[in-house]
């Protein structure tokens, strides 16, 4: 019987201790509500990995292409365009210029030009850029053709369409 009394005293003591911890915790938490609010701290930004712009090859500009003329020597072309990074070992009369640029978080930009020589003179070139005066020449040819034959244009004419349908 003595053990039963002892167990009941322990359970009362444990329950009392739990109540005491609960009351003290509530008092401490209630006391904090009267304190001034602390400013919110911003989380530091995680640094990003620094990525650099990568350029490779020969820079090719419209001004360079505009300066190229058939009949220029290899030396003159090298002065205008620079020495090609890619040389074809099987064909010394072809110079290939390739320029790539990779800007972080964008697509790769690539320009290519191939220059062809005969007897060390520039004959023609192909690639992503064309001479500016070539655009003007093409437009002038179209304008001359339309002036010579105004009916040859691709204009819509309801009279022609009705006559064809009948």
C-alpha atoms as a PDB file:
ATOM      1  CA  UNK A   1       0.000   0.000   0.000  1.00  0.00           C
ATOM      2  CA  UNK A   2       2.884   2.232   0.686  1.00  0.00           C
ATOM      3  CA  UNK A   3       3.970   2.037  -2.968  1.00  0.00           C
ATOM      4  CA  UNK A   4       0.548   3.150  -4.208  1.00  0.00           C
ATOM      5  CA  UNK A   5       0.720   6.303  -2.090  1.00  0.00           C
ATOM      6  CA  UNK A   6       4.231   6.979  -3.273  1.00  0.00           C
ATOM      7  CA  UNK A   7       3.178   6.697  -6.955  1.00  0.00           C
ATOM      8  CA  UNK A   8       0.256   9.059  -6.485  1.00  0.00           C
ATOM      9  CA  UNK A   9       2.544  11.667  -4.915  1.00  0.00           C
ATOM     10  CA  UNK A  10       4.929  11.362  -7.879  1.00  0.00           C
ATOM     11  CA  UNK A  11       2.133  11.836 -10.396  1.00  0.00           C
ATOM     12  CA  UNK A  12       0.891  14.922  -8.511  1.00  0.00           C
ATOM     13  CA  UNK A  13       4.427  16.299  -8.416  1.00  0.00           C
ATOM     14  CA  UNK A  14       4.901  15.664 -12.149  1.00  0.00           C
ATOM     15  CA  UNK A  15       1.588  17.236 -12.998  1.00  0.00           C
ATOM     16  CA  UNK A  16       2.430  20.246 -10.861  1.00  0.00           C
ATOM     17  CA  UNK A  17       5.810  20.624 -12.532  1.00  0.00           C
ATOM     18  CA  UNK A  18       4.217  20.495 -15.957  1.00  0.00           C
ATOM     19  CA  UNK A  19       1.686  23.138 -14.963  1.00  0.00           C
ATOM     20  CA  UNK A  20       4.442  25.333 -13.576  1.00  0.00           C
ATOM     21  CA  UNK A  21       6.437  25.097 -16.854  1.00  0.00           C
ATOM     22  CA  UNK A  22       3.292  25.921 -18.844  1.00  0.00           C
ATOM     23  CA  UNK A  23       2.447  28.971 -16.711  1.00  0.00           C
ATOM     24  CA  UNK A  24       6.016  30.315 -16.813  1.00  0.00           C
ATOM     25  CA  UNK A  25       6.185  29.822 -20.624  1.00  0.00           C
ATOM     26  CA  UNK A  26       2.918  31.693 -21.130  1.00  0.00           C
ATOM     27  CA  UNK A  27       4.092  34.521 -18.882  1.00  0.00           C
ATOM     28  CA  UNK A  28       7.371  34.849 -20.788  1.00  0.00           C
ATOM     29  CA  UNK A  29       5.638  34.801 -24.172  1.00  0.00           C
ATOM     30  CA  UNK A  30       3.025  37.270 -23.007  1.00  0.00           C
ATOM     31  CA  UNK A  31       5.719  39.627 -21.798  1.00  0.00           C
ATOM     32  CA  UNK A  32       7.330  39.670 -25.248  1.00  0.00           C
ATOM     33  CA  UNK A  33       4.272  41.215 -26.865  1.00  0.00           C
ATOM     34  CA  UNK A  34       5.005  44.545 -25.203  1.00  0.00           C
ATOM     35  CA  UNK A  35       8.463  44.819 -26.792  1.00  0.00           C
ATOM     36  CA  UNK A  36       8.905  46.967 -29.913  1.00  0.00           C
ATOM     37  CA  UNK A  37       8.927  45.045 -33.152  1.00  0.00           C
ATOM     38  CA  UNK A  38      12.294  44.310 -34.647  1.00  0.00           C
ATOM     39  CA  UNK A  39      12.849  45.325 -38.265  1.00  0.00           C
ATOM     40  CA  UNK A  40      12.581  42.526 -40.765  1.00  0.00           C
ATOM     41  CA  UNK A  41      15.932  41.346 -41.931  1.00  0.00           C
ATOM     42  CA  UNK A  42      16.233  40.706 -45.616  1.00  0.00           C
ATOM     43  CA  UNK A  43      17.735  37.440 -46.620  1.00  0.00           C
ATOM     44  CA  UNK A  44      21.010  38.022 -48.387  1.00  0.00           C
ATOM     45  CA  UNK A  45      20.859  37.286 -52.096  1.00  0.00           C
ATOM     46  CA  UNK A  46      22.702  34.239 -53.171  1.00  0.00           C
ATOM     47  CA  UNK A  47      25.462  35.386 -55.472  1.00  0.00           C
ATOM     48  CA  UNK A  48      25.175  34.210 -59.050  1.00  0.00           C
ATOM     49  CA  UNK A  49      28.039  32.721 -60.910  1.00  0.00           C
ATOM     50  CA  UNK A  50      29.695  35.388 -63.026  1.00  0.00           C
ATOM     51  CA  UNK A  51      29.615  34.419 -66.673  1.00  0.00           C
ATOM     52  CA  UNK A  52      31.702  36.313 -69.167  1.00  0.00           C
ATOM     53  CA  UNK A  53      31.014  37.203 -72.773  1.00  0.00           C
ATOM     54  CA  UNK A  54      33.024  34.905 -75.016  1.00  0.00           C
ATOM     55  CA  UNK A  55      34.129  36.131 -78.461  1.00  0.00           C
ATOM     56  CA  UNK A  56      35.966  33.882 -80.870  1.00  0.00           C
ATOM     57  CA  UNK A  57      37.316  34.352 -84.371  1.00  0.00           C
ATOM     58  CA  UNK A  58      37.558  37.420 -86.571  1.00  0.00           C
ATOM     59  CA  UNK A  59      35.141  40.255 -85.944  1.00  0.00           C
ATOM     60  CA  UNK A  60      33.174  40.804 -89.167  1.00  0.00           C
ATOM     61  CA  UNK A  61      31.473  44.180 -89.657  1.00  0.00           C
ATOM     62  CA  UNK A  62      29.379  45.633 -92.449  1.00  0.00           C
ATOM     63  CA  UNK A  63      32.074  48.288 -93.045  1.00  0.00           C
ATOM     64  CA  UNK A  64      34.614  45.559 -93.746  1.00  0.00           C
ATOM     65  CA  UNK A  65      32.325  43.849 -96.249  1.00  0.00           C
ATOM     66  CA  UNK A  66      31.596  47.181 -97.964  1.00  0.00           C
ATOM     67  CA  UNK A  67      35.352  47.696 -98.517  1.00  0.00           C
ATOM     68  CA  UNK A  68      35.817  44.351-100.290  1.00  0.00           C
ATOM     69  CA  UNK A  69      35.980  44.642-104.086  1.00  0.00           C
ATOM     70  CA  UNK A  70      36.719  41.961-106.696  1.00  0.00           C
ATOM     71  CA  UNK A  71      40.300  42.219-107.910  1.00  0.00           C
ATOM     72  CA  UNK A  72      41.800  43.025-104.473  1.00  0.00           C
ATOM     73  CA  UNK A  73      45.005  41.166-103.637  1.00  0.00           C
ATOM     74  CA  UNK A  74      45.238  38.815-100.674  1.00  0.00           C
ATOM     75  CA  UNK A  75      47.365  41.393 -98.913  1.00  0.00           C
ATOM     76  CA  UNK A  76      44.720  44.105 -99.368  1.00  0.00           C
ATOM     77  CA  UNK A  77      41.989  41.733 -98.152  1.00  0.00           C
ATOM     78  CA  UNK A  78      44.098  40.830 -95.106  1.00  0.00           C
ATOM     79  CA  UNK A  79      44.477  44.568 -94.372  1.00  0.00           C
ATOM     80  CA  UNK A  80      40.686  45.063 -94.463  1.00  0.00           C
ATOM     81  CA  UNK A  81      39.488  41.812 -92.873  1.00  0.00           C
ATOM     82  CA  UNK A  82      42.534  40.626 -90.941  1.00  0.00           C
ATOM     83  CA  UNK A  83      44.206  37.270 -91.402  1.00  0.00           C
ATOM     84  CA  UNK A  84      41.647  34.460 -91.317  1.00  0.00           C
ATOM     85  CA  UNK A  85      41.619  32.293 -88.220  1.00  0.00           C
ATOM     86  CA  UNK A  86      40.524  29.278 -90.273  1.00  0.00           C
ATOM     87  CA  UNK A  87      42.713  28.504 -93.276  1.00  0.00           C
ATOM     88  CA  UNK A  88      41.819  25.659 -95.583  1.00  0.00           C
ATOM     89  CA  UNK A  89      45.018  23.608 -95.977  1.00  0.00           C
ATOM     90  CA  UNK A  90      43.627  21.918 -99.102  1.00  0.00           C
ATOM     91  CA  UNK A  91      42.570  25.109-100.885  1.00  0.00           C
ATOM     92  CA  UNK A  92      44.857  28.132-100.458  1.00  0.00           C
ATOM     93  CA  UNK A  93      42.492  30.226-102.601  1.00  0.00           C
ATOM     94  CA  UNK A  94      39.680  30.134-100.037  1.00  0.00           C
ATOM     95  CA  UNK A  95      39.729  32.092 -96.806  1.00  0.00           C
ATOM     96  CA  UNK A  96      37.064  31.406 -94.200  1.00  0.00           C
ATOM     97  CA  UNK A  97      36.198  33.926 -91.523  1.00  0.00           C
ATOM     98  CA  UNK A  98      34.086  32.785 -88.570  1.00  0.00           C
ATOM     99  CA  UNK A  99      33.014  35.015 -85.692  1.00  0.00           C
ATOM    100  CA  UNK A 100      31.023  33.784 -82.703  1.00  0.00           C
ATOM    101  CA  UNK A 101      29.928  35.627 -79.601  1.00  0.00           C
ATOM    102  CA  UNK A 102      28.186  34.114 -76.590  1.00  0.00           C
ATOM    103  CA  UNK A 103      26.609  36.641 -74.264  1.00  0.00           C
ATOM    104  CA  UNK A 104      25.409  35.147 -70.954  1.00  0.00           C
ATOM    105  CA  UNK A 105      21.713  34.223 -70.892  1.00  0.00           C
ATOM    106  CA  UNK A 106      21.325  34.765 -74.658  1.00  0.00           C
ATOM    107  CA  UNK A 107      21.693  32.688 -77.785  1.00  0.00           C
ATOM    108  CA  UNK A 108      24.969  32.166 -79.592  1.00  0.00           C
ATOM    109  CA  UNK A 109      25.525  34.671 -82.416  1.00  0.00           C
ATOM    110  CA  UNK A 110      27.602  33.420 -85.336  1.00  0.00           C
ATOM    111  CA  UNK A 111      28.724  35.064 -88.591  1.00  0.00           C
ATOM    112  CA  UNK A 112      30.551  33.343 -91.439  1.00  0.00           C
ATOM    113  CA  UNK A 113      32.243  34.645 -94.571  1.00  0.00           C
ATOM    114  CA  UNK A 114      34.129  32.750 -97.280  1.00  0.00           C
ATOM    115  CA  UNK A 115      36.390  34.656 -99.671  1.00  0.00           C
ATOM    116  CA  UNK A 116      37.574  33.095-102.939  1.00  0.00           C
ATOM    117  CA  UNK A 117      40.725  34.028-104.852  1.00  0.00           C
ATOM    118  CA  UNK A 118      42.094  33.218-108.298  1.00  0.00           C
ATOM    119  CA  UNK A 119      45.756  34.030-108.971  1.00  0.00           C
ATOM    120  CA  UNK A 120      45.889  35.796-105.584  1.00  0.00           C
ATOM    121  CA  UNK A 121      43.050  38.189-106.570  1.00  0.00           C
ATOM    122  CA  UNK A 122      39.650  38.263-104.870  1.00  0.00           C
ATOM    123  CA  UNK A 123      36.997  36.939-107.252  1.00  0.00           C
ATOM    124  CA  UNK A 124      33.916  36.703-105.022  1.00  0.00           C
ATOM    125  CA  UNK A 125      32.750  36.047-101.477  1.00  0.00           C
ATOM    126  CA  UNK A 126      29.774  34.441 -99.761  1.00  0.00           C
ATOM    127  CA  UNK A 127      28.447  34.518 -96.245  1.00  0.00           C
ATOM    128  CA  UNK A 128      26.048  36.072 -93.783  1.00  0.00           C
ATOM    129  CA  UNK A 129      26.716  39.692 -94.827  1.00  0.00           C
ATOM    130  CA  UNK A 130      26.458  41.325 -98.244  1.00  0.00           C
ATOM    131  CA  UNK A 131      27.790  44.707 -99.388  1.00  0.00           C
ATOM    132  CA  UNK A 132      25.464  47.633 -98.666  1.00  0.00           C
ATOM    133  CA  UNK A 133      25.722  48.908-102.236  1.00  0.00           C
ATOM    134  CA  UNK A 134      24.489  45.498-103.485  1.00  0.00           C
ATOM    135  CA  UNK A 135      21.132  46.191-101.816  1.00  0.00           C
ATOM    136  CA  UNK A 136      20.934  49.563-103.550  1.00  0.00           C
ATOM    137  CA  UNK A 137      21.922  47.998-106.900  1.00  0.00           C
ATOM    138  CA  UNK A 138      19.210  45.328-106.570  1.00  0.00           C
ATOM    139  CA  UNK A 139      16.565  47.946-105.782  1.00  0.00           C
ATOM    140  CA  UNK A 140      17.722  50.099-108.711  1.00  0.00           C
ATOM    141  CA  UNK A 141      17.486  47.113-111.098  1.00  0.00           C
ATOM    142  CA  UNK A 142      13.937  46.352-109.938  1.00  0.00           C
ATOM    143  CA  UNK A 143      12.932  50.007-110.327  1.00  0.00           C
ATOM    144  CA  UNK A 144      14.443  50.119-113.853  1.00  0.00           C
ATOM    145  CA  UNK A 145      12.616  46.926-114.852  1.00  0.00           C
ATOM    146  CA  UNK A 146       9.279  48.254-113.600  1.00  0.00           C
ATOM    147  CA  UNK A 147       9.839  51.589-115.391  1.00  0.00           C
ATOM    148  CA  UNK A 148      10.580  49.788-118.670  1.00  0.00           C
ATOM    149  CA  UNK A 149       7.508  47.516-118.456  1.00  0.00           C
ATOM    150  CA  UNK A 150       4.895  48.770-115.971  1.00  0.00           C
ATOM    151  CA  UNK A 151       2.537  45.853-116.714  1.00  0.00           C
ATOM    152  CA  UNK A 152       5.096  43.246-115.698  1.00  0.00           C
ATOM    153  CA  UNK A 153       4.686  43.937-111.975  1.00  0.00           C
ATOM    154  CA  UNK A 154       2.883  41.614-109.603  1.00  0.00           C
ATOM    155  CA  UNK A 155       0.140  44.099-108.894  1.00  0.00           C
ATOM    156  CA  UNK A 156      -3.410  42.933-108.338  1.00  0.00           C
ATOM    157  CA  UNK A 157      -5.822  43.886-111.068  1.00  0.00           C
ATOM    158  CA  UNK A 158      -9.522  42.970-110.658  1.00  0.00           C
ATOM    159  CA  UNK A 159     -10.139  43.273-114.421  1.00  0.00           C
ATOM    160  CA  UNK A 160      -7.481  40.672-115.221  1.00  0.00           C
ATOM    161  CA  UNK A 161      -8.761  38.296-112.561  1.00  0.00           C
ATOM    162  CA  UNK A 162     -12.402  38.582-113.777  1.00  0.00           C
ATOM    163  CA  UNK A 163     -11.396  38.029-117.411  1.00  0.00           C
ATOM    164  CA  UNK A 164      -9.397  34.925-116.457  1.00  0.00           C
ATOM    165  CA  UNK A 165     -12.273  33.490-114.422  1.00  0.00           C
ATOM    166  CA  UNK A 166     -14.845  33.869-117.249  1.00  0.00           C
END
